[in-house]
């Protein structure tokens, strides 16, 4: 079922709504997805963000990471979808965003409760002393950038071979278990454990509204309302309904 009026009514009447986002919401801000047409892993080798490779070859990893993440992402701006998602939280009946993205665009758009399931590019940690840094304070011309103690800095996003940040996982789980409506945007639903969050929301009784140009692993399984649209198209139309 894909009736916008009905979906908008659910969204308006939600008391504890949650938005779950994947790479598709940021594509229209100029950020390439990881997989699929134009995906980053069609252009780059994902080994550069494998934790064991990074640990052994920090200079090489950093050289490639700057090309993959720190140019386009840093300059990207939120689009209409990010803005309307932030507006839903401001209305009070949506409680937060669970995002697989590391680009910070939800925060730039004004969302306050953003659970960054896979971390962020905007902070870094020293692998030796664990001191934290903001990206804006780091000289990225160094390969690799280093802490004042001499240790290598690692971006605080989840590398292959690392676990999900415990606080983000727990907070996401609570949002999913307690929500009555979840809008799932721009994700194929194939990356575990993130893709478990909509499944948990459904299991706990939430209605699932899905926005994705192509059907996902969720579409025929848990989705109540499916909109085969780009994120900006759906949210611009939703804004008028609200």
C-alpha atoms as a PDB file:
ATOM      1  CA  UNK A   1       0.000   0.000   0.000  1.00  0.00           C
ATOM      2  CA  UNK A   2       1.418   3.398  -0.918  1.00  0.00           C
ATOM      3  CA  UNK A   3      -1.223   5.992  -0.134  1.00  0.00           C
ATOM      4  CA  UNK A   4       0.480   9.208   0.948  1.00  0.00           C
ATOM      5  CA  UNK A   5      -2.607  10.569   2.707  1.00  0.00           C
ATOM      6  CA  UNK A   6      -2.882   7.453   4.858  1.00  0.00           C
ATOM      7  CA  UNK A   7       0.853   7.405   5.598  1.00  0.00           C
ATOM      8  CA  UNK A   8       0.815  11.113   6.471  1.00  0.00           C
ATOM      9  CA  UNK A   9      -2.071  10.489   8.881  1.00  0.00           C
ATOM     10  CA  UNK A  10      -0.007   7.816  10.636  1.00  0.00           C
ATOM     11  CA  UNK A  11       2.952  10.193  10.830  1.00  0.00           C
ATOM     12  CA  UNK A  12       0.812  13.044  12.198  1.00  0.00           C
ATOM     13  CA  UNK A  13      -0.783  10.814  14.817  1.00  0.00           C
ATOM     14  CA  UNK A  14       2.443   9.112  15.920  1.00  0.00           C
ATOM     15  CA  UNK A  15       3.443   9.576  19.535  1.00  0.00           C
ATOM     16  CA  UNK A  16       6.903   7.998  19.391  1.00  0.00           C
ATOM     17  CA  UNK A  17       7.919   7.939  15.730  1.00  0.00           C
ATOM     18  CA  UNK A  18      11.440   7.133  14.555  1.00  0.00           C
ATOM     19  CA  UNK A  19      13.197   7.639  11.223  1.00  0.00           C
ATOM     20  CA  UNK A  20      15.712   5.009  10.110  1.00  0.00           C
ATOM     21  CA  UNK A  21      18.031   6.136   7.305  1.00  0.00           C
ATOM     22  CA  UNK A  22      20.596   4.621   4.989  1.00  0.00           C
ATOM     23  CA  UNK A  23      22.838   5.981   2.259  1.00  0.00           C
ATOM     24  CA  UNK A  24      19.920   6.731  -0.070  1.00  0.00           C
ATOM     25  CA  UNK A  25      18.844   9.805   1.910  1.00  0.00           C
ATOM     26  CA  UNK A  26      22.240  11.434   1.322  1.00  0.00           C
ATOM     27  CA  UNK A  27      22.700  10.561  -2.362  1.00  0.00           C
ATOM     28  CA  UNK A  28      20.827  13.728  -3.347  1.00  0.00           C
ATOM     29  CA  UNK A  29      23.304  15.722  -1.270  1.00  0.00           C
ATOM     30  CA  UNK A  30      26.073  14.455  -3.543  1.00  0.00           C
ATOM     31  CA  UNK A  31      27.328  11.616  -1.338  1.00  0.00           C
ATOM     32  CA  UNK A  32      27.834   8.324  -3.156  1.00  0.00           C
ATOM     33  CA  UNK A  33      26.410   5.147  -1.609  1.00  0.00           C
ATOM     34  CA  UNK A  34      28.776   2.293  -0.767  1.00  0.00           C
ATOM     35  CA  UNK A  35      27.171  -0.260  -3.067  1.00  0.00           C
ATOM     36  CA  UNK A  36      25.048  -0.293  -6.220  1.00  0.00           C
ATOM     37  CA  UNK A  37      25.277   2.062  -9.198  1.00  0.00           C
ATOM     38  CA  UNK A  38      27.945   4.707  -8.587  1.00  0.00           C
ATOM     39  CA  UNK A  39      28.848   3.058  -5.275  1.00  0.00           C
ATOM     40  CA  UNK A  40      32.139   3.809  -3.549  1.00  0.00           C
ATOM     41  CA  UNK A  41      33.197   0.164  -3.537  1.00  0.00           C
ATOM     42  CA  UNK A  42      32.997   0.168  -7.334  1.00  0.00           C
ATOM     43  CA  UNK A  43      35.746   2.820  -7.291  1.00  0.00           C
ATOM     44  CA  UNK A  44      37.782   2.010  -4.181  1.00  0.00           C
ATOM     45  CA  UNK A  45      38.942  -1.073  -2.339  1.00  0.00           C
ATOM     46  CA  UNK A  46      37.059  -1.459   0.971  1.00  0.00           C
ATOM     47  CA  UNK A  47      40.201  -2.936   2.552  1.00  0.00           C
ATOM     48  CA  UNK A  48      41.275   0.622   3.437  1.00  0.00           C
ATOM     49  CA  UNK A  49      38.635   0.700   6.160  1.00  0.00           C
ATOM     50  CA  UNK A  50      39.269  -2.807   7.477  1.00  0.00           C
ATOM     51  CA  UNK A  51      40.549  -2.353  11.018  1.00  0.00           C
ATOM     52  CA  UNK A  52      43.428  -4.830  10.645  1.00  0.00           C
ATOM     53  CA  UNK A  53      44.619  -3.196   7.416  1.00  0.00           C
ATOM     54  CA  UNK A  54      44.349   0.258   8.986  1.00  0.00           C
ATOM     55  CA  UNK A  55      46.339  -0.825  12.039  1.00  0.00           C
ATOM     56  CA  UNK A  56      49.113  -2.260   9.860  1.00  0.00           C
ATOM     57  CA  UNK A  57      49.051   0.452   7.152  1.00  0.00           C
ATOM     58  CA  UNK A  58      47.726   3.705   8.638  1.00  0.00           C
ATOM     59  CA  UNK A  59      49.476   5.947   6.118  1.00  0.00           C
ATOM     60  CA  UNK A  60      48.062   4.107   3.122  1.00  0.00           C
ATOM     61  CA  UNK A  61      44.605   3.871   4.691  1.00  0.00           C
ATOM     62  CA  UNK A  62      44.498   7.572   5.458  1.00  0.00           C
ATOM     63  CA  UNK A  63      45.584   8.519   1.931  1.00  0.00           C
ATOM     64  CA  UNK A  64      42.632   6.599   0.497  1.00  0.00           C
ATOM     65  CA  UNK A  65      40.128   7.536   3.227  1.00  0.00           C
ATOM     66  CA  UNK A  66      40.610  11.202   2.452  1.00  0.00           C
ATOM     67  CA  UNK A  67      39.568  10.554  -1.149  1.00  0.00           C
ATOM     68  CA  UNK A  68      36.658   8.304  -0.164  1.00  0.00           C
ATOM     69  CA  UNK A  69      35.152  10.262   2.737  1.00  0.00           C
ATOM     70  CA  UNK A  70      36.720  13.533   3.660  1.00  0.00           C
ATOM     71  CA  UNK A  71      36.159  15.546   0.481  1.00  0.00           C
ATOM     72  CA  UNK A  72      32.558  15.077  -0.643  1.00  0.00           C
ATOM     73  CA  UNK A  73      31.116  14.343   2.785  1.00  0.00           C
ATOM     74  CA  UNK A  74      32.678  17.302   4.532  1.00  0.00           C
ATOM     75  CA  UNK A  75      31.319  19.767   1.954  1.00  0.00           C
ATOM     76  CA  UNK A  76      27.861  18.187   1.549  1.00  0.00           C
ATOM     77  CA  UNK A  77      24.739  20.009   2.703  1.00  0.00           C
ATOM     78  CA  UNK A  78      21.430  18.576   3.929  1.00  0.00           C
ATOM     79  CA  UNK A  79      18.645  18.162   1.380  1.00  0.00           C
ATOM     80  CA  UNK A  80      14.855  18.465   1.697  1.00  0.00           C
ATOM     81  CA  UNK A  81      14.583  14.955   3.159  1.00  0.00           C
ATOM     82  CA  UNK A  82      16.995  15.738   6.009  1.00  0.00           C
ATOM     83  CA  UNK A  83      15.161  19.007   6.673  1.00  0.00           C
ATOM     84  CA  UNK A  84      11.708  17.428   6.898  1.00  0.00           C
ATOM     85  CA  UNK A  85      13.053  14.635   9.119  1.00  0.00           C
ATOM     86  CA  UNK A  86      14.384  17.317  11.477  1.00  0.00           C
ATOM     87  CA  UNK A  87      11.008  19.074  11.365  1.00  0.00           C
ATOM     88  CA  UNK A  88       9.229  15.860  12.417  1.00  0.00           C
ATOM     89  CA  UNK A  89      11.348  15.715  15.562  1.00  0.00           C
ATOM     90  CA  UNK A  90      10.681  19.405  16.237  1.00  0.00           C
ATOM     91  CA  UNK A  91       6.925  18.711  16.091  1.00  0.00           C
ATOM     92  CA  UNK A  92       7.463  16.436  19.100  1.00  0.00           C
ATOM     93  CA  UNK A  93       5.821  13.225  17.937  1.00  0.00           C
ATOM     94  CA  UNK A  94       8.998  11.798  16.386  1.00  0.00           C
ATOM     95  CA  UNK A  95      11.618  10.976  18.972  1.00  0.00           C
ATOM     96  CA  UNK A  96      14.777  10.601  16.921  1.00  0.00           C
ATOM     97  CA  UNK A  97      16.746   9.258  13.987  1.00  0.00           C
ATOM     98  CA  UNK A  98      18.685   6.014  13.702  1.00  0.00           C
ATOM     99  CA  UNK A  99      21.132   6.446  10.843  1.00  0.00           C
ATOM    100  CA  UNK A 100      23.639   4.158   9.172  1.00  0.00           C
ATOM    101  CA  UNK A 101      25.283   7.252   7.671  1.00  0.00           C
ATOM    102  CA  UNK A 102      28.471   8.844   8.952  1.00  0.00           C
ATOM    103  CA  UNK A 103      28.043  12.178   7.144  1.00  0.00           C
ATOM    104  CA  UNK A 104      26.476  14.294   9.917  1.00  0.00           C
ATOM    105  CA  UNK A 105      23.783  15.689   7.593  1.00  0.00           C
ATOM    106  CA  UNK A 106      20.934  14.983   9.996  1.00  0.00           C
ATOM    107  CA  UNK A 107      22.614  17.158  12.618  1.00  0.00           C
ATOM    108  CA  UNK A 108      23.360  19.864  10.054  1.00  0.00           C
ATOM    109  CA  UNK A 109      19.646  19.883   9.192  1.00  0.00           C
ATOM    110  CA  UNK A 110      18.686  20.363  12.847  1.00  0.00           C
ATOM    111  CA  UNK A 111      17.914  16.852  14.119  1.00  0.00           C
ATOM    112  CA  UNK A 112      18.843  16.595  17.809  1.00  0.00           C
ATOM    113  CA  UNK A 113      18.501  12.920  18.775  1.00  0.00           C
ATOM    114  CA  UNK A 114      20.605  11.211  16.108  1.00  0.00           C
ATOM    115  CA  UNK A 115      21.863   7.719  16.844  1.00  0.00           C
ATOM    116  CA  UNK A 116      24.859   7.243  14.547  1.00  0.00           C
ATOM    117  CA  UNK A 117      24.828   3.463  14.295  1.00  0.00           C
ATOM    118  CA  UNK A 118      28.056   3.364  12.292  1.00  0.00           C
ATOM    119  CA  UNK A 119      29.734   6.374  13.888  1.00  0.00           C
ATOM    120  CA  UNK A 120      30.845   9.644  12.306  1.00  0.00           C
ATOM    121  CA  UNK A 121      33.629  11.253  10.286  1.00  0.00           C
ATOM    122  CA  UNK A 122      33.497  14.361  12.480  1.00  0.00           C
ATOM    123  CA  UNK A 123      35.437  13.047  15.469  1.00  0.00           C
ATOM    124  CA  UNK A 124      38.613  10.994  15.744  1.00  0.00           C
ATOM    125  CA  UNK A 125      40.322   8.960  18.457  1.00  0.00           C
ATOM    126  CA  UNK A 126      43.975   8.297  19.164  1.00  0.00           C
ATOM    127  CA  UNK A 127      44.638   4.581  18.852  1.00  0.00           C
ATOM    128  CA  UNK A 128      47.280   4.859  21.606  1.00  0.00           C
ATOM    129  CA  UNK A 129      45.885   7.111  24.362  1.00  0.00           C
ATOM    130  CA  UNK A 130      42.208   7.310  23.243  1.00  0.00           C
ATOM    131  CA  UNK A 131      42.166  11.125  23.302  1.00  0.00           C
ATOM    132  CA  UNK A 132      39.258  12.497  21.242  1.00  0.00           C
ATOM    133  CA  UNK A 133      39.546  15.194  18.577  1.00  0.00           C
ATOM    134  CA  UNK A 134      37.096  17.125  16.441  1.00  0.00           C
ATOM    135  CA  UNK A 135      37.736  16.877  12.721  1.00  0.00           C
ATOM    136  CA  UNK A 136      37.904  20.682  12.481  1.00  0.00           C
ATOM    137  CA  UNK A 137      40.967  20.659  14.770  1.00  0.00           C
ATOM    138  CA  UNK A 138      42.941  18.144  12.695  1.00  0.00           C
ATOM    139  CA  UNK A 139      45.473  18.860   9.955  1.00  0.00           C
ATOM    140  CA  UNK A 140      44.442  16.367   7.285  1.00  0.00           C
ATOM    141  CA  UNK A 141      47.482  17.141   5.158  1.00  0.00           C
ATOM    142  CA  UNK A 142      49.427  14.745   7.395  1.00  0.00           C
ATOM    143  CA  UNK A 143      49.454  11.059   6.412  1.00  0.00           C
ATOM    144  CA  UNK A 144      48.467   9.814   8.919  1.00  0.00           C
ATOM    145  CA  UNK A 145      47.270  12.589  11.238  1.00  0.00           C
ATOM    146  CA  UNK A 146      48.632  12.024  14.743  1.00  0.00           C
ATOM    147  CA  UNK A 147      47.766  12.779  18.344  1.00  0.00           C
ATOM    148  CA  UNK A 148      49.914  15.002  20.565  1.00  0.00           C
ATOM    149  CA  UNK A 149      51.182  11.728  22.115  1.00  0.00           C
ATOM    150  CA  UNK A 150      52.359  10.540  18.690  1.00  0.00           C
ATOM    151  CA  UNK A 151      49.664   7.911  18.246  1.00  0.00           C
ATOM    152  CA  UNK A 152      47.779   7.579  14.967  1.00  0.00           C
ATOM    153  CA  UNK A 153      44.302   9.103  14.821  1.00  0.00           C
ATOM    154  CA  UNK A 154      41.412   6.938  13.643  1.00  0.00           C
ATOM    155  CA  UNK A 155      38.069   8.357  12.467  1.00  0.00           C
ATOM    156  CA  UNK A 156      35.205   7.434  14.787  1.00  0.00           C
ATOM    157  CA  UNK A 157      33.211   5.514  12.223  1.00  0.00           C
ATOM    158  CA  UNK A 158      32.882   1.748  12.357  1.00  0.00           C
ATOM    159  CA  UNK A 159      35.551  -0.025  10.319  1.00  0.00           C
ATOM    160  CA  UNK A 160      35.050  -3.521   8.971  1.00  0.00           C
ATOM    161  CA  UNK A 161      35.986  -5.836  11.813  1.00  0.00           C
ATOM    162  CA  UNK A 162      34.830  -3.448  14.556  1.00  0.00           C
ATOM    163  CA  UNK A 163      31.710  -3.595  16.706  1.00  0.00           C
ATOM    164  CA  UNK A 164      28.862  -1.094  16.791  1.00  0.00           C
ATOM    165  CA  UNK A 165      29.373   1.675  19.421  1.00  0.00           C
ATOM    166  CA  UNK A 166      27.540   0.306  22.494  1.00  0.00           C
ATOM    167  CA  UNK A 167      25.677   3.537  23.339  1.00  0.00           C
ATOM    168  CA  UNK A 168      24.444   3.997  19.766  1.00  0.00           C
ATOM    169  CA  UNK A 169      23.320   0.372  19.662  1.00  0.00           C
ATOM    170  CA  UNK A 170      21.468   0.521  22.973  1.00  0.00           C
ATOM    171  CA  UNK A 171      19.812   3.864  22.219  1.00  0.00           C
ATOM    172  CA  UNK A 172      18.767   2.651  18.757  1.00  0.00           C
ATOM    173  CA  UNK A 173      17.318  -0.516  20.254  1.00  0.00           C
ATOM    174  CA  UNK A 174      15.239   1.506  22.721  1.00  0.00           C
ATOM    175  CA  UNK A 175      13.962   3.803  19.975  1.00  0.00           C
ATOM    176  CA  UNK A 176      13.027   0.817  17.806  1.00  0.00           C
ATOM    177  CA  UNK A 177      11.283  -1.063  20.600  1.00  0.00           C
ATOM    178  CA  UNK A 178       9.264   1.958  21.716  1.00  0.00           C
ATOM    179  CA  UNK A 179       8.260   3.498  18.392  1.00  0.00           C
ATOM    180  CA  UNK A 180       4.746   3.324  16.955  1.00  0.00           C
ATOM    181  CA  UNK A 181       5.734   4.450  13.432  1.00  0.00           C
ATOM    182  CA  UNK A 182       9.089   3.991  11.701  1.00  0.00           C
ATOM    183  CA  UNK A 183       9.932   5.677   8.404  1.00  0.00           C
ATOM    184  CA  UNK A 184      12.668   3.640   6.698  1.00  0.00           C
ATOM    185  CA  UNK A 185      14.531   5.679   4.083  1.00  0.00           C
ATOM    186  CA  UNK A 186      17.143   4.827   1.480  1.00  0.00           C
ATOM    187  CA  UNK A 187      18.449   1.475   2.649  1.00  0.00           C
ATOM    188  CA  UNK A 188      18.575  -1.951   1.034  1.00  0.00           C
ATOM    189  CA  UNK A 189      18.202  -3.543   4.468  1.00  0.00           C
ATOM    190  CA  UNK A 190      21.173  -5.858   4.098  1.00  0.00           C
ATOM    191  CA  UNK A 191      23.776  -4.578   6.580  1.00  0.00           C
ATOM    192  CA  UNK A 192      23.619  -6.300   9.960  1.00  0.00           C
ATOM    193  CA  UNK A 193      23.050  -5.516  12.733  1.00  0.00           C
ATOM    194  CA  UNK A 194      21.644  -2.154  11.595  1.00  0.00           C
ATOM    195  CA  UNK A 195      18.954  -3.724   9.438  1.00  0.00           C
ATOM    196  CA  UNK A 196      17.618  -5.473  12.522  1.00  0.00           C
ATOM    197  CA  UNK A 197      16.209  -2.192  13.872  1.00  0.00           C
ATOM    198  CA  UNK A 198      13.179  -1.971  11.525  1.00  0.00           C
ATOM    199  CA  UNK A 199      12.522  -5.673  12.135  1.00  0.00           C
ATOM    200  CA  UNK A 200      12.505  -5.043  15.884  1.00  0.00           C
ATOM    201  CA  UNK A 201      10.209  -2.021  15.455  1.00  0.00           C
ATOM    202  CA  UNK A 202       7.751  -4.173  13.495  1.00  0.00           C
ATOM    203  CA  UNK A 203       7.976  -6.971  16.052  1.00  0.00           C
ATOM    204  CA  UNK A 204       7.051  -4.478  18.788  1.00  0.00           C
ATOM    205  CA  UNK A 205       4.005  -3.274  16.853  1.00  0.00           C
ATOM    206  CA  UNK A 206       5.204  -0.284  14.814  1.00  0.00           C
ATOM    207  CA  UNK A 207       3.812   0.605  11.401  1.00  0.00           C
ATOM    208  CA  UNK A 208       6.581   0.696   8.779  1.00  0.00           C
ATOM    209  CA  UNK A 209       6.617   3.354   6.055  1.00  0.00           C
ATOM    210  CA  UNK A 210       9.366   2.687   3.515  1.00  0.00           C
ATOM    211  CA  UNK A 211      10.851   5.153   1.027  1.00  0.00           C
ATOM    212  CA  UNK A 212      13.279   3.699  -1.503  1.00  0.00           C
ATOM    213  CA  UNK A 213      13.430   3.874  -5.321  1.00  0.00           C
ATOM    214  CA  UNK A 214      13.973   0.092  -5.445  1.00  0.00           C
ATOM    215  CA  UNK A 215      12.357  -2.576  -3.244  1.00  0.00           C
ATOM    216  CA  UNK A 216      14.509  -3.636  -0.308  1.00  0.00           C
ATOM    217  CA  UNK A 217      14.784  -6.638   1.976  1.00  0.00           C
ATOM    218  CA  UNK A 218      12.034  -4.971   4.040  1.00  0.00           C
ATOM    219  CA  UNK A 219       9.479  -4.265   1.309  1.00  0.00           C
ATOM    220  CA  UNK A 220       7.654  -7.582   1.117  1.00  0.00           C
ATOM    221  CA  UNK A 221       8.499  -8.600   4.651  1.00  0.00           C
ATOM    222  CA  UNK A 222       7.537  -5.827   7.080  1.00  0.00           C
ATOM    223  CA  UNK A 223       6.571  -2.697   5.110  1.00  0.00           C
ATOM    224  CA  UNK A 224       3.024  -1.354   5.508  1.00  0.00           C
ATOM    225  CA  UNK A 225       3.344   1.594   3.112  1.00  0.00           C
ATOM    226  CA  UNK A 226       5.931   1.566   0.325  1.00  0.00           C
ATOM    227  CA  UNK A 227       6.892   4.641  -1.724  1.00  0.00           C
ATOM    228  CA  UNK A 228       9.152   3.900  -4.697  1.00  0.00           C
ATOM    229  CA  UNK A 229      10.562   7.428  -4.708  1.00  0.00           C
ATOM    230  CA  UNK A 230      13.688   9.407  -4.073  1.00  0.00           C
ATOM    231  CA  UNK A 231      13.821  10.652  -0.495  1.00  0.00           C
ATOM    232  CA  UNK A 232      13.494  14.334  -1.415  1.00  0.00           C
ATOM    233  CA  UNK A 233      10.397  13.675  -3.555  1.00  0.00           C
ATOM    234  CA  UNK A 234       8.627  11.791  -0.785  1.00  0.00           C
ATOM    235  CA  UNK A 235       9.468  14.251   1.986  1.00  0.00           C
ATOM    236  CA  UNK A 236       8.565  17.299  -0.119  1.00  0.00           C
ATOM    237  CA  UNK A 237       5.156  15.701  -0.766  1.00  0.00           C
ATOM    238  CA  UNK A 238       4.806  14.701   2.898  1.00  0.00           C
ATOM    239  CA  UNK A 239       5.575  18.236   4.032  1.00  0.00           C
ATOM    240  CA  UNK A 240       2.549  19.481   2.060  1.00  0.00           C
ATOM    241  CA  UNK A 241       0.334  16.808   3.636  1.00  0.00           C
ATOM    242  CA  UNK A 242       1.446  17.797   7.128  1.00  0.00           C
END
